[in-house]
């Protein structure tokens, strides 16, 4: 969940309220503190590289020499699935982007709040703004990304990895995005 109240706050986890038909709508939160209190952070982490200009690899297996599925910026939320030694198997987004990250570069619990997001603020170039993202690095299917989205990583300095607020992940060529004119 992206925190709408404070752009520097990382608020990641599962909402404790249950399913929509079980929720007392009068009990919905009305402050940032109430929202934060409703989040169950167990099993969640965010990328936290000591050098915010660097990015963390998502590997196909728990080995520094294993193929990289992309490099992720600080603040990227991940769901922890399992652990093998100094590595966690994680899920990025809800679309199934799954791999391994080194444990020492992840922040957990309240430490997630102290991680400043390092996502570049990029927008589509005019001629590419109606093009779809793709669901895989190569040979993927075109998907329409929900908005808003964040650029959370790169693949081989050729693709950007996007994550929407609804948990959708997608890939777009880096040439399609730029810093904008503003």
C-alpha atoms as a PDB file:
ATOM      1  CA  UNK A   1       0.000   0.000   0.000  1.00  0.00           C
ATOM      2  CA  UNK A   2       1.390   3.406  -0.913  1.00  0.00           C
ATOM      3  CA  UNK A   3       0.842   6.021   1.750  1.00  0.00           C
ATOM      4  CA  UNK A   4      -1.194   8.921   0.370  1.00  0.00           C
ATOM      5  CA  UNK A   5      -0.480  11.191   3.350  1.00  0.00           C
ATOM      6  CA  UNK A   6       3.309  11.375   3.270  1.00  0.00           C
ATOM      7  CA  UNK A   7       5.315  10.649   0.138  1.00  0.00           C
ATOM      8  CA  UNK A   8       8.381   9.718   2.227  1.00  0.00           C
ATOM      9  CA  UNK A   9       6.529   7.130   4.339  1.00  0.00           C
ATOM     10  CA  UNK A  10       6.636   3.525   3.195  1.00  0.00           C
ATOM     11  CA  UNK A  11       3.545   1.752   4.459  1.00  0.00           C
ATOM     12  CA  UNK A  12       3.565  -1.879   3.330  1.00  0.00           C
ATOM     13  CA  UNK A  13       1.612  -4.916   4.471  1.00  0.00           C
ATOM     14  CA  UNK A  14      -1.792  -6.525   4.597  1.00  0.00           C
ATOM     15  CA  UNK A  15      -4.864  -4.785   5.955  1.00  0.00           C
ATOM     16  CA  UNK A  16      -6.140  -6.530   9.099  1.00  0.00           C
ATOM     17  CA  UNK A  17      -9.823  -5.738   8.481  1.00  0.00           C
ATOM     18  CA  UNK A  18     -10.793  -8.912   6.607  1.00  0.00           C
ATOM     19  CA  UNK A  19     -12.956  -9.046   3.508  1.00  0.00           C
ATOM     20  CA  UNK A  20     -15.049  -6.113   2.357  1.00  0.00           C
ATOM     21  CA  UNK A  21     -18.336  -7.730   3.360  1.00  0.00           C
ATOM     22  CA  UNK A  22     -17.003  -8.124   6.934  1.00  0.00           C
ATOM     23  CA  UNK A  23     -15.815  -4.519   7.363  1.00  0.00           C
ATOM     24  CA  UNK A  24     -17.654  -2.023   9.525  1.00  0.00           C
ATOM     25  CA  UNK A  25     -17.402   1.006   7.229  1.00  0.00           C
ATOM     26  CA  UNK A  26     -17.809   3.337  10.217  1.00  0.00           C
ATOM     27  CA  UNK A  27     -14.508   1.984  11.538  1.00  0.00           C
ATOM     28  CA  UNK A  28     -12.466   3.016   8.493  1.00  0.00           C
ATOM     29  CA  UNK A  29      -9.349   5.043   9.413  1.00  0.00           C
ATOM     30  CA  UNK A  30      -9.390   8.821   9.366  1.00  0.00           C
ATOM     31  CA  UNK A  31      -5.717   9.527  10.126  1.00  0.00           C
ATOM     32  CA  UNK A  32      -2.292   8.341   9.034  1.00  0.00           C
ATOM     33  CA  UNK A  33      -1.700   6.836  12.499  1.00  0.00           C
ATOM     34  CA  UNK A  34      -4.935   4.804  12.259  1.00  0.00           C
ATOM     35  CA  UNK A  35      -4.005   3.540   8.789  1.00  0.00           C
ATOM     36  CA  UNK A  36      -0.515   2.541   9.928  1.00  0.00           C
ATOM     37  CA  UNK A  37      -2.000   0.735  12.937  1.00  0.00           C
ATOM     38  CA  UNK A  38      -4.269  -1.331  10.644  1.00  0.00           C
ATOM     39  CA  UNK A  39      -1.369  -2.726   8.591  1.00  0.00           C
ATOM     40  CA  UNK A  40      -0.047  -6.207   9.355  1.00  0.00           C
ATOM     41  CA  UNK A  41       3.613  -6.042   8.319  1.00  0.00           C
ATOM     42  CA  UNK A  42       4.450  -9.685   9.014  1.00  0.00           C
ATOM     43  CA  UNK A  43       5.951 -11.267   5.923  1.00  0.00           C
ATOM     44  CA  UNK A  44       6.727  -7.943   4.227  1.00  0.00           C
ATOM     45  CA  UNK A  45       9.918  -5.956   3.647  1.00  0.00           C
ATOM     46  CA  UNK A  46      11.247  -3.126   1.493  1.00  0.00           C
ATOM     47  CA  UNK A  47      14.506  -2.866  -0.420  1.00  0.00           C
ATOM     48  CA  UNK A  48      17.040  -0.996   1.690  1.00  0.00           C
ATOM     49  CA  UNK A  49      20.434  -0.674   0.063  1.00  0.00           C
ATOM     50  CA  UNK A  50      22.975   1.314   2.166  1.00  0.00           C
ATOM     51  CA  UNK A  51      23.856   3.245  -1.005  1.00  0.00           C
ATOM     52  CA  UNK A  52      20.521   4.727  -2.155  1.00  0.00           C
ATOM     53  CA  UNK A  53      21.943   5.269  -5.657  1.00  0.00           C
ATOM     54  CA  UNK A  54      22.516   1.512  -5.970  1.00  0.00           C
ATOM     55  CA  UNK A  55      19.833  -1.112  -6.600  1.00  0.00           C
ATOM     56  CA  UNK A  56      19.239  -4.644  -5.312  1.00  0.00           C
ATOM     57  CA  UNK A  57      19.202  -7.668  -7.629  1.00  0.00           C
ATOM     58  CA  UNK A  58      16.289 -10.078  -7.737  1.00  0.00           C
ATOM     59  CA  UNK A  59      17.959 -13.408  -8.596  1.00  0.00           C
ATOM     60  CA  UNK A  60      16.441 -16.600 -10.054  1.00  0.00           C
ATOM     61  CA  UNK A  61      18.048 -18.601  -7.225  1.00  0.00           C
ATOM     62  CA  UNK A  62      19.801 -17.731  -3.941  1.00  0.00           C
ATOM     63  CA  UNK A  63      23.263 -17.166  -5.400  1.00  0.00           C
ATOM     64  CA  UNK A  64      25.120 -13.912  -6.228  1.00  0.00           C
ATOM     65  CA  UNK A  65      26.139 -15.417  -9.578  1.00  0.00           C
ATOM     66  CA  UNK A  66      22.596 -16.450 -10.537  1.00  0.00           C
ATOM     67  CA  UNK A  67      20.773 -14.672 -13.358  1.00  0.00           C
ATOM     68  CA  UNK A  68      19.290 -11.318 -12.365  1.00  0.00           C
ATOM     69  CA  UNK A  69      15.596 -10.653 -13.026  1.00  0.00           C
ATOM     70  CA  UNK A  70      16.180  -6.942 -12.464  1.00  0.00           C
ATOM     71  CA  UNK A  71      17.619  -4.453  -9.998  1.00  0.00           C
ATOM     72  CA  UNK A  72      15.265  -2.679  -7.598  1.00  0.00           C
ATOM     73  CA  UNK A  73      15.341   0.777  -6.016  1.00  0.00           C
ATOM     74  CA  UNK A  74      15.141   1.469  -2.294  1.00  0.00           C
ATOM     75  CA  UNK A  75      11.574   1.426  -1.048  1.00  0.00           C
ATOM     76  CA  UNK A  76      10.370  -1.363  -3.341  1.00  0.00           C
ATOM     77  CA  UNK A  77       7.902  -3.467  -1.309  1.00  0.00           C
ATOM     78  CA  UNK A  78       8.342  -7.241  -1.363  1.00  0.00           C
ATOM     79  CA  UNK A  79       6.384 -10.079   0.189  1.00  0.00           C
ATOM     80  CA  UNK A  80       8.662 -12.632   1.871  1.00  0.00           C
ATOM     81  CA  UNK A  81       7.839 -16.234   0.900  1.00  0.00           C
ATOM     82  CA  UNK A  82      10.714 -18.301   2.339  1.00  0.00           C
ATOM     83  CA  UNK A  83      14.303 -18.133   3.538  1.00  0.00           C
ATOM     84  CA  UNK A  84      17.416 -20.016   2.513  1.00  0.00           C
ATOM     85  CA  UNK A  85      20.517 -18.943   4.424  1.00  0.00           C
ATOM     86  CA  UNK A  86      21.260 -15.262   3.757  1.00  0.00           C
ATOM     87  CA  UNK A  87      18.539 -15.040   1.102  1.00  0.00           C
ATOM     88  CA  UNK A  88      14.792 -14.513   1.071  1.00  0.00           C
ATOM     89  CA  UNK A  89      12.518 -15.713  -1.687  1.00  0.00           C
ATOM     90  CA  UNK A  90      10.258 -12.741  -2.416  1.00  0.00           C
ATOM     91  CA  UNK A  91       7.317 -11.682  -4.529  1.00  0.00           C
ATOM     92  CA  UNK A  92       7.337  -8.207  -6.081  1.00  0.00           C
ATOM     93  CA  UNK A  93       3.820  -7.000  -6.778  1.00  0.00           C
ATOM     94  CA  UNK A  94       0.923  -9.385  -7.128  1.00  0.00           C
ATOM     95  CA  UNK A  95       1.626 -10.445 -10.715  1.00  0.00           C
ATOM     96  CA  UNK A  96       4.115 -13.159  -9.842  1.00  0.00           C
ATOM     97  CA  UNK A  97       7.510 -11.427 -10.201  1.00  0.00           C
ATOM     98  CA  UNK A  98       9.283 -13.923  -7.952  1.00  0.00           C
ATOM     99  CA  UNK A  99      12.935 -14.448  -7.066  1.00  0.00           C
ATOM    100  CA  UNK A 100      15.600 -14.177  -4.362  1.00  0.00           C
ATOM    101  CA  UNK A 101      17.051 -11.112  -2.600  1.00  0.00           C
ATOM    102  CA  UNK A 102      19.836 -10.904  -0.054  1.00  0.00           C
ATOM    103  CA  UNK A 103      18.401 -10.495   3.443  1.00  0.00           C
ATOM    104  CA  UNK A 104      20.928  -7.848   4.518  1.00  0.00           C
ATOM    105  CA  UNK A 105      19.525  -5.420   1.917  1.00  0.00           C
ATOM    106  CA  UNK A 106      15.922  -5.603   3.132  1.00  0.00           C
ATOM    107  CA  UNK A 107      14.225  -3.635   5.943  1.00  0.00           C
ATOM    108  CA  UNK A 108      11.462  -5.182   8.039  1.00  0.00           C
ATOM    109  CA  UNK A 109       8.774  -3.955  10.457  1.00  0.00           C
ATOM    110  CA  UNK A 110       9.103  -0.374  11.688  1.00  0.00           C
ATOM    111  CA  UNK A 111      12.525  -0.093   9.991  1.00  0.00           C
ATOM    112  CA  UNK A 112      10.602   0.065   6.674  1.00  0.00           C
ATOM    113  CA  UNK A 113       9.359   3.541   7.668  1.00  0.00           C
ATOM    114  CA  UNK A 114      12.914   4.918   7.734  1.00  0.00           C
ATOM    115  CA  UNK A 115      13.721   3.857   4.155  1.00  0.00           C
ATOM    116  CA  UNK A 116      13.536   6.744   1.704  1.00  0.00           C
ATOM    117  CA  UNK A 117      12.112   5.674  -1.643  1.00  0.00           C
ATOM    118  CA  UNK A 118      14.631   6.102  -4.473  1.00  0.00           C
ATOM    119  CA  UNK A 119      12.171   5.673  -7.350  1.00  0.00           C
ATOM    120  CA  UNK A 120      12.920   7.943 -10.322  1.00  0.00           C
ATOM    121  CA  UNK A 121      10.027  10.260 -11.144  1.00  0.00           C
ATOM    122  CA  UNK A 122       9.474   9.469 -14.821  1.00  0.00           C
ATOM    123  CA  UNK A 123       6.614   9.983 -17.254  1.00  0.00           C
ATOM    124  CA  UNK A 124       5.810   8.588 -20.682  1.00  0.00           C
ATOM    125  CA  UNK A 125       7.161  10.438 -23.718  1.00  0.00           C
ATOM    126  CA  UNK A 126       4.381  11.838 -25.889  1.00  0.00           C
ATOM    127  CA  UNK A 127       4.616   9.237 -28.658  1.00  0.00           C
ATOM    128  CA  UNK A 128       4.612   6.306 -26.223  1.00  0.00           C
ATOM    129  CA  UNK A 129       1.935   7.327 -23.701  1.00  0.00           C
ATOM    130  CA  UNK A 130      -0.707   4.981 -25.111  1.00  0.00           C
ATOM    131  CA  UNK A 131       1.580   1.948 -25.408  1.00  0.00           C
ATOM    132  CA  UNK A 132       1.030  -0.968 -23.048  1.00  0.00           C
ATOM    133  CA  UNK A 133       3.536  -2.452 -20.632  1.00  0.00           C
ATOM    134  CA  UNK A 134       4.537  -6.115 -20.921  1.00  0.00           C
ATOM    135  CA  UNK A 135       4.121  -8.859 -18.345  1.00  0.00           C
ATOM    136  CA  UNK A 136       7.563 -10.450 -18.967  1.00  0.00           C
ATOM    137  CA  UNK A 137      11.071  -9.326 -19.818  1.00  0.00           C
ATOM    138  CA  UNK A 138      10.945 -11.070 -23.208  1.00  0.00           C
ATOM    139  CA  UNK A 139       8.092 -12.639 -25.133  1.00  0.00           C
ATOM    140  CA  UNK A 140       5.485 -11.204 -22.818  1.00  0.00           C
ATOM    141  CA  UNK A 141       1.907 -10.160 -23.401  1.00  0.00           C
ATOM    142  CA  UNK A 142       0.819  -6.541 -23.558  1.00  0.00           C
ATOM    143  CA  UNK A 143      -0.965  -5.338 -20.409  1.00  0.00           C
ATOM    144  CA  UNK A 144      -2.644  -2.081 -19.524  1.00  0.00           C
ATOM    145  CA  UNK A 145      -1.046  -0.820 -16.299  1.00  0.00           C
ATOM    146  CA  UNK A 146      -3.257   0.619 -13.586  1.00  0.00           C
ATOM    147  CA  UNK A 147      -2.387   4.141 -12.522  1.00  0.00           C
ATOM    148  CA  UNK A 148      -0.715   5.481 -10.569  1.00  0.00           C
ATOM    149  CA  UNK A 149       2.452   3.462 -11.010  1.00  0.00           C
ATOM    150  CA  UNK A 150       6.042   3.786  -9.809  1.00  0.00           C
ATOM    151  CA  UNK A 151       9.314   2.944 -11.573  1.00  0.00           C
ATOM    152  CA  UNK A 152      10.755   0.429  -9.097  1.00  0.00           C
ATOM    153  CA  UNK A 153      13.633  -1.122 -11.029  1.00  0.00           C
ATOM    154  CA  UNK A 154      15.595  -1.741 -14.209  1.00  0.00           C
ATOM    155  CA  UNK A 155      16.547  -4.735 -16.336  1.00  0.00           C
ATOM    156  CA  UNK A 156      19.917  -4.598 -18.117  1.00  0.00           C
ATOM    157  CA  UNK A 157      19.645  -0.802 -18.513  1.00  0.00           C
ATOM    158  CA  UNK A 158      17.102  -1.480 -21.278  1.00  0.00           C
ATOM    159  CA  UNK A 159      13.776  -1.829 -19.460  1.00  0.00           C
ATOM    160  CA  UNK A 160      12.064  -0.144 -16.529  1.00  0.00           C
ATOM    161  CA  UNK A 161      10.026  -2.230 -14.106  1.00  0.00           C
ATOM    162  CA  UNK A 162       6.740  -0.590 -13.096  1.00  0.00           C
ATOM    163  CA  UNK A 163       4.571  -1.300 -10.054  1.00  0.00           C
ATOM    164  CA  UNK A 164       1.047   0.090  -9.794  1.00  0.00           C
ATOM    165  CA  UNK A 165      -0.655   0.978  -6.526  1.00  0.00           C
ATOM    166  CA  UNK A 166      -2.862  -2.092  -7.045  1.00  0.00           C
ATOM    167  CA  UNK A 167       0.195  -4.408  -7.156  1.00  0.00           C
ATOM    168  CA  UNK A 168       0.429  -4.885 -10.921  1.00  0.00           C
ATOM    169  CA  UNK A 169       3.960  -5.220 -12.390  1.00  0.00           C
ATOM    170  CA  UNK A 170       5.034  -4.550 -15.957  1.00  0.00           C
ATOM    171  CA  UNK A 171       8.043  -3.791 -18.150  1.00  0.00           C
ATOM    172  CA  UNK A 172       8.551  -0.924 -20.600  1.00  0.00           C
ATOM    173  CA  UNK A 173      11.562   0.117 -22.707  1.00  0.00           C
ATOM    174  CA  UNK A 174      13.573   2.863 -21.022  1.00  0.00           C
ATOM    175  CA  UNK A 175      13.300   5.005 -24.176  1.00  0.00           C
ATOM    176  CA  UNK A 176       9.553   5.365 -23.530  1.00  0.00           C
ATOM    177  CA  UNK A 177       9.985   7.278 -20.251  1.00  0.00           C
ATOM    178  CA  UNK A 178      11.789  10.499 -19.295  1.00  0.00           C
ATOM    179  CA  UNK A 179      11.977  13.040 -16.478  1.00  0.00           C
ATOM    180  CA  UNK A 180       9.427  15.330 -18.105  1.00  0.00           C
ATOM    181  CA  UNK A 181       9.496  19.010 -18.871  1.00  0.00           C
ATOM    182  CA  UNK A 182       8.234  20.274 -15.535  1.00  0.00           C
END
